[in-house]
Protein backbone atom coordinates (compact mmCIF):
# COMPACT_ATOMS: atom_id res chain seq x y z
CA MET A 1 4.29 -13.62 8.98
CA PRO A 2 5.68 -16.32 11.05
CA ARG A 3 8.59 -18.74 9.38
CA LEU A 4 7.70 -22.36 9.53
CA GLY A 5 10.17 -25.24 10.39
CA ILE A 6 9.97 -28.67 8.71
CA VAL A 7 6.95 -30.93 10.09
CA GLU A 8 8.32 -34.16 10.90
CA GLY A 9 6.82 -37.46 9.81
CA SER A 10 7.14 -40.14 7.12
CA PHE A 11 5.56 -39.57 3.83
CA GLU A 12 2.82 -42.06 4.29
CA ALA A 13 1.86 -40.80 7.72
CA LEU A 14 1.64 -37.10 6.79
CA VAL A 15 -0.34 -37.93 3.62
CA GLU A 16 -2.74 -40.30 5.39
CA GLU A 17 -3.34 -37.70 8.22
CA ALA A 18 -4.13 -34.93 5.50
CA GLU A 19 -6.53 -37.15 3.56
CA ALA A 20 -8.43 -37.97 6.79
CA ALA A 21 -8.73 -34.38 8.07
CA PRO A 22 -12.23 -32.89 7.45
CA ILE A 23 -12.59 -29.98 4.98
CA GLU A 24 -16.17 -28.80 5.46
CA GLY A 25 -16.37 -25.04 5.45
CA TRP A 26 -13.87 -22.54 4.38
CA ASP A 27 -11.65 -23.10 7.28
CA PHE A 28 -7.83 -23.35 7.20
CA THR A 29 -7.27 -23.88 10.94
CA TRP A 30 -6.12 -27.51 10.50
CA LEU A 31 -2.97 -25.91 8.60
CA LYS A 32 -1.89 -23.91 11.72
CA GLY A 33 1.73 -24.43 12.34
CA ARG A 34 1.96 -26.35 9.01
CA ALA A 35 1.35 -23.63 6.47
CA THR A 36 1.45 -19.71 6.37
CA GLU A 37 0.00 -17.18 3.92
CA GLU A 38 0.24 -13.29 4.02
CA ARG A 39 -2.92 -11.51 4.15
CA PRO A 40 -3.62 -8.53 1.89
CA SER A 41 -3.07 -5.23 3.42
CA TRP A 42 -6.70 -3.89 2.85
CA GLY A 43 -8.10 -6.11 5.56
CA TYR A 44 -11.19 -7.62 3.96
CA SER A 45 -12.97 -8.51 7.15
CA GLY A 46 -12.70 -5.10 8.45
CA LEU A 47 -13.87 -3.46 5.24
CA LEU A 48 -16.92 -5.85 5.40
CA ALA A 49 -17.75 -4.98 8.84
CA GLU A 50 -17.44 -1.09 8.13
CA ARG A 51 -19.74 -1.51 4.95
CA ALA A 52 -22.19 -3.82 6.73
CA LYS A 53 -22.55 -1.35 9.61
CA ASN A 54 -25.62 0.57 8.55
CA VAL A 55 -27.26 -1.59 5.65
CA SER A 56 -30.76 -2.82 5.97
CA SER A 57 -30.14 -5.86 3.62
CA LEU A 58 -26.99 -7.99 2.90
CA LEU A 59 -26.33 -10.94 0.52
CA ASP A 60 -23.24 -12.97 1.16
CA LEU A 61 -22.56 -15.03 -2.20
CA GLN A 62 -20.78 -18.48 -1.87
CA THR A 63 -20.60 -18.07 1.97
CA GLY A 64 -18.86 -21.49 2.51
CA GLY A 65 -19.48 -22.33 6.01
CA GLY A 66 -20.62 -19.00 7.03
CA GLU A 67 -17.46 -18.21 8.78
CA LEU A 68 -16.77 -14.58 7.70
CA LEU A 69 -20.43 -13.54 7.70
CA GLY A 70 -21.06 -15.17 11.28
CA SER A 71 -18.10 -13.19 12.54
CA LEU A 72 -19.55 -9.80 11.69
CA PRO A 73 -20.57 -7.80 14.87
CA ARG A 74 -23.83 -6.85 13.28
CA LEU A 75 -26.17 -8.39 10.55
CA ALA A 76 -28.50 -6.54 8.63
CA PRO A 77 -32.27 -6.95 9.49
CA LEU A 78 -32.38 -8.99 6.11
CA THR A 79 -29.19 -11.11 5.89
CA VAL A 80 -29.04 -13.89 3.22
CA ALA A 81 -26.25 -16.25 2.39
CA THR A 82 -25.96 -18.59 -0.58
CA GLU A 83 -23.88 -21.76 -0.87
CA GLY A 84 -24.05 -24.45 -3.21
CA TRP A 85 -22.19 -27.42 -1.51
CA GLU A 86 -24.38 -29.44 0.79
CA PRO A 87 -22.00 -30.15 3.52
CA ASN A 88 -21.25 -26.08 3.73
CA VAL A 89 -25.03 -25.49 3.67
CA ARG A 90 -25.56 -27.40 6.85
CA ARG A 91 -22.72 -25.80 8.43
CA ALA A 92 -23.66 -22.07 7.40
CA ALA A 93 -27.23 -22.67 8.51
CA HIS A 94 -25.95 -23.98 11.89
CA ARG A 95 -23.84 -20.99 12.31
CA LEU A 96 -26.17 -18.21 10.88
CA HIS A 97 -29.68 -19.31 11.63
CA PRO A 98 -29.42 -18.36 15.45
CA ARG A 99 -28.48 -14.85 14.16
CA ARG A 100 -31.70 -14.71 12.04
CA ALA A 101 -29.87 -14.98 8.73
CA TRP A 102 -31.19 -16.98 5.68
CA VAL A 103 -29.04 -19.63 4.02
CA VAL A 104 -30.30 -20.29 0.49
CA VAL A 105 -29.04 -23.22 -1.89
CA ALA A 106 -27.80 -21.77 -4.98
CA GLN A 107 -25.22 -23.44 -7.19
CA GLU A 108 -22.12 -21.40 -8.23
CA ASP A 109 -22.42 -22.57 -12.10
CA ARG A 110 -25.91 -21.28 -12.36
CA PRO A 111 -26.08 -17.50 -13.61
CA MET A 112 -29.33 -16.78 -11.89
CA LEU A 113 -29.78 -15.59 -8.44
CA PRO A 114 -33.11 -16.65 -6.73
CA PHE A 115 -33.94 -12.97 -5.67
CA GLY A 116 -35.95 -10.18 -6.77
CA SER A 117 -34.39 -7.23 -8.58
CA GLY A 118 -33.15 -4.32 -6.27
CA THR A 119 -33.24 -6.53 -3.11
CA PHE A 120 -30.06 -5.86 -1.36
CA ASP A 121 -28.14 -2.73 -0.19
CA LEU A 122 -24.85 -4.55 0.07
CA ILE A 123 -23.66 -7.70 -1.93
CA VAL A 124 -20.28 -9.55 -0.72
CA SER A 125 -18.34 -12.36 -1.59
CA ARG A 126 -14.92 -13.66 -0.52
CA HIS A 127 -13.17 -15.95 -3.06
CA PRO A 128 -16.06 -16.66 -5.30
CA VAL A 129 -15.71 -19.57 -7.82
CA ALA A 130 -17.44 -17.33 -10.17
CA THR A 131 -19.04 -14.01 -10.30
CA TRP A 132 -22.32 -13.40 -12.51
CA TRP A 133 -21.93 -9.68 -12.93
CA ASP A 134 -25.46 -9.26 -14.39
CA GLU A 135 -26.92 -10.78 -11.61
CA VAL A 136 -25.17 -8.90 -8.98
CA ALA A 137 -26.09 -5.66 -10.67
CA ARG A 138 -29.85 -6.91 -11.01
CA VAL A 139 -30.35 -7.72 -7.31
CA LEU A 140 -28.62 -4.61 -6.05
CA ARG A 141 -30.75 -1.76 -5.24
CA PRO A 142 -29.89 1.74 -6.87
CA GLY A 143 -27.03 3.03 -4.78
CA GLY A 144 -26.15 -0.35 -3.47
CA ARG A 145 -22.60 -1.74 -3.24
CA TYR A 146 -20.64 -4.81 -4.22
CA LEU A 147 -17.57 -5.60 -2.09
CA SER A 148 -15.34 -8.79 -2.97
CA GLN A 149 -12.26 -10.07 -2.35
CA GLN A 150 -11.05 -12.47 -5.12
CA VAL A 151 -8.44 -14.91 -6.15
CA GLY A 152 -6.07 -13.23 -8.54
CA PRO A 153 -4.23 -14.39 -11.59
CA HIS A 154 -1.81 -17.34 -11.34
CA SER A 155 -2.39 -17.59 -7.58
CA MET A 156 -0.25 -20.44 -6.21
CA GLN A 157 1.26 -20.88 -9.62
CA GLU A 158 4.31 -22.61 -8.07
CA VAL A 159 2.19 -25.37 -6.62
CA THR A 160 0.09 -25.81 -9.79
CA GLU A 161 3.20 -26.18 -12.00
CA PHE A 162 4.80 -28.52 -9.67
CA PHE A 163 2.24 -31.05 -10.21
CA MET A 164 1.09 -30.10 -13.68
CA GLY A 165 3.85 -28.41 -15.43
CA PRO A 166 3.97 -25.14 -17.25
CA GLN A 167 0.65 -23.18 -17.33
CA PRO A 168 -0.54 -20.73 -19.77
CA ALA A 169 0.52 -17.10 -19.55
CA THR A 170 -2.90 -15.77 -19.47
CA SER A 171 -5.49 -16.19 -16.59
CA PRO A 172 -9.30 -15.59 -16.56
CA ARG A 173 -8.97 -14.23 -12.83
CA SER A 174 -7.65 -10.79 -13.89
CA PRO A 175 -8.70 -7.90 -12.07
CA GLU A 176 -9.02 -5.78 -15.16
CA LEU A 177 -11.19 -8.33 -16.46
CA ALA A 178 -13.37 -7.97 -13.51
CA ARG A 179 -13.33 -4.30 -13.92
CA GLU A 180 -14.53 -4.60 -17.65
CA ARG A 181 -17.40 -7.24 -16.68
CA SER A 182 -18.69 -5.12 -13.79
CA THR A 183 -18.78 -2.00 -15.65
CA GLY A 184 -20.45 -3.91 -18.62
CA ALA A 185 -23.19 -4.86 -16.19
CA GLY A 186 -23.80 -1.26 -15.30
CA LEU A 187 -21.71 -0.98 -12.09
CA ARG A 188 -19.17 1.84 -11.33
CA VAL A 189 -15.85 0.42 -10.02
CA GLU A 190 -14.55 2.55 -6.96
CA ASN A 191 -11.92 0.36 -5.78
CA LEU A 192 -9.58 -2.07 -7.48
CA LYS A 193 -6.32 -3.36 -6.22
CA MET A 194 -4.26 -6.44 -6.28
CA GLU A 195 -1.24 -7.85 -4.15
CA ARG A 196 1.02 -10.86 -4.32
CA LEU A 197 1.29 -12.65 -1.19
CA ARG A 198 4.06 -15.25 0.18
CA ALA A 199 2.73 -18.69 1.13
CA THR A 200 4.71 -21.43 2.60
CA PHE A 201 4.19 -25.23 3.37
CA ALA A 202 6.09 -27.02 5.94
CA ASP A 203 5.26 -30.67 5.11
CA VAL A 204 3.53 -32.54 2.19
CA GLY A 205 0.43 -33.19 4.23
CA ALA A 206 -0.10 -29.39 4.24
CA VAL A 207 -0.04 -29.35 0.55
CA VAL A 208 -2.48 -32.36 0.26
CA TYR A 209 -4.92 -30.70 2.60
CA PHE A 210 -4.73 -27.36 0.77
CA LEU A 211 -5.43 -29.23 -2.52
CA ARG A 212 -8.41 -30.96 -1.27
CA LEU A 213 -9.75 -27.72 0.02
CA VAL A 214 -8.66 -25.22 -2.76
CA ILE A 215 -9.72 -27.58 -5.53
CA TRP A 216 -9.13 -25.17 -8.41
CA THR A 217 -5.29 -25.17 -7.72
CA VAL A 218 -4.89 -28.80 -9.22
CA PRO A 219 -8.33 -29.29 -10.60
CA ASP A 220 -7.80 -33.09 -10.96
CA PHE A 221 -5.83 -33.87 -7.76
CA SER A 222 -5.94 -36.93 -5.96
CA VAL A 223 -3.11 -38.45 -3.90
CA ALA A 224 -3.28 -41.70 -6.08
CA LYS A 225 -2.90 -39.67 -9.28
CA TYR A 226 -0.15 -37.49 -8.13
CA ARG A 227 1.74 -39.83 -5.72
CA ASP A 228 4.97 -39.73 -7.61
CA ARG A 229 4.97 -35.90 -7.52
CA LEU A 230 3.96 -35.77 -3.86
CA THR A 231 6.90 -38.06 -3.03
CA ALA A 232 9.26 -35.74 -4.93
CA LEU A 233 7.81 -32.82 -2.93
CA HIS A 234 8.24 -34.52 0.43
CA GLU A 235 11.92 -35.04 -0.61
CA GLU A 236 12.46 -31.49 -1.61
CA ILE A 237 10.82 -30.08 1.67
CA THR A 238 12.86 -32.57 3.88
CA THR A 239 16.02 -31.62 2.02
CA ASN A 240 15.49 -27.74 1.48
CA GLY A 241 12.94 -26.69 3.91
CA PRO A 242 9.46 -25.32 3.46
CA PHE A 243 7.79 -25.16 -0.08
CA VAL A 244 7.49 -21.52 -1.03
CA ALA A 245 4.52 -20.25 -3.37
CA HIS A 246 2.75 -17.02 -3.77
CA ALA A 247 -1.11 -16.32 -3.83
CA THR A 248 -2.57 -13.29 -5.45
CA ARG A 249 -5.56 -11.58 -4.29
CA PHE A 250 -7.51 -8.55 -5.68
CA LEU A 251 -10.16 -6.29 -3.98
CA ILE A 252 -13.02 -5.00 -6.16
CA GLU A 253 -15.62 -2.54 -4.93
CA ALA A 254 -18.37 -1.29 -7.16
CA THR A 255 -21.70 0.64 -6.73
CA LYS A 256 -24.92 0.59 -8.76
CA PRO A 257 -25.75 4.09 -9.90
CA ALA A 258 -28.77 5.52 -8.26
C-alpha cells in the first residue's frame, strides 16, 4: 500500500473542498492520493466473479451505485440489485439497466425483501448496513449461496474516538454474531474470516469526505458540530504526518441446505 505525504492547503480550503465533493454511490476515487486503505487478502471482487460465473439468478443487496455488480464480467440471466437511497438508485439503474439487470428500491431498515421464496441461486452484499438473515434464507433457493464482505468490529475506531471519545468495548458487527444469526436462520456457514487493515488520511479534507460517505463512523457528523476537533486534526496531521486508523472486514459465506 502506498505511503502518503501531507496534502497541503489551509484548513478552510481543505474542508470546503471536501464538503462540496459529490458522494453518490459507493465510490472512493475522490480520495485517491489523499487516503489509503489496505484490502482484505481474500479478494472479494474476485470471489464474487467466481461464484457468479454459472448461476442463473443473482441478488445484490444494498448495491450502492451498482459499482461492483456492474464490474462483473458476467451477469446471471436474472440479476437484481436492491438499494434504498434515491441518488444511488438512479446511479445503479443507469449503470445496470444496459446489462439487463433490475434495480429495486428496498429500504435497509425494513426486514422484508420484495421477492418470492427460493428465488435466487446467489445472494451477495458488500458492506451492508444490516443483514436480515431470515429474509436471506427465505429468498435463497435450496442449495443457494450467500456471500458477503462486511464491516467488522471497531472498524476505524481511531477516527470515531478522535471525534466522539472512548467507545464501548463490545460491537454489534461481530463475525461470530453473524455466524450465530446465519445458522439460526437455517444457513450453513462455510467460510468466516476477519482481517484488520491499515488506513491513512493525508489531510483533514479526506477525513471530512470519508465521514460524509461512511456515515456510521461518526453518526452525527457535521463540520459545524465538530469544527474544533477537525481543527485539532488538521494541526495534528500538519505536525505529525498522516492520521493512521485501522479498518476491520470480515468475509462470511453460507449455503442453504438442499
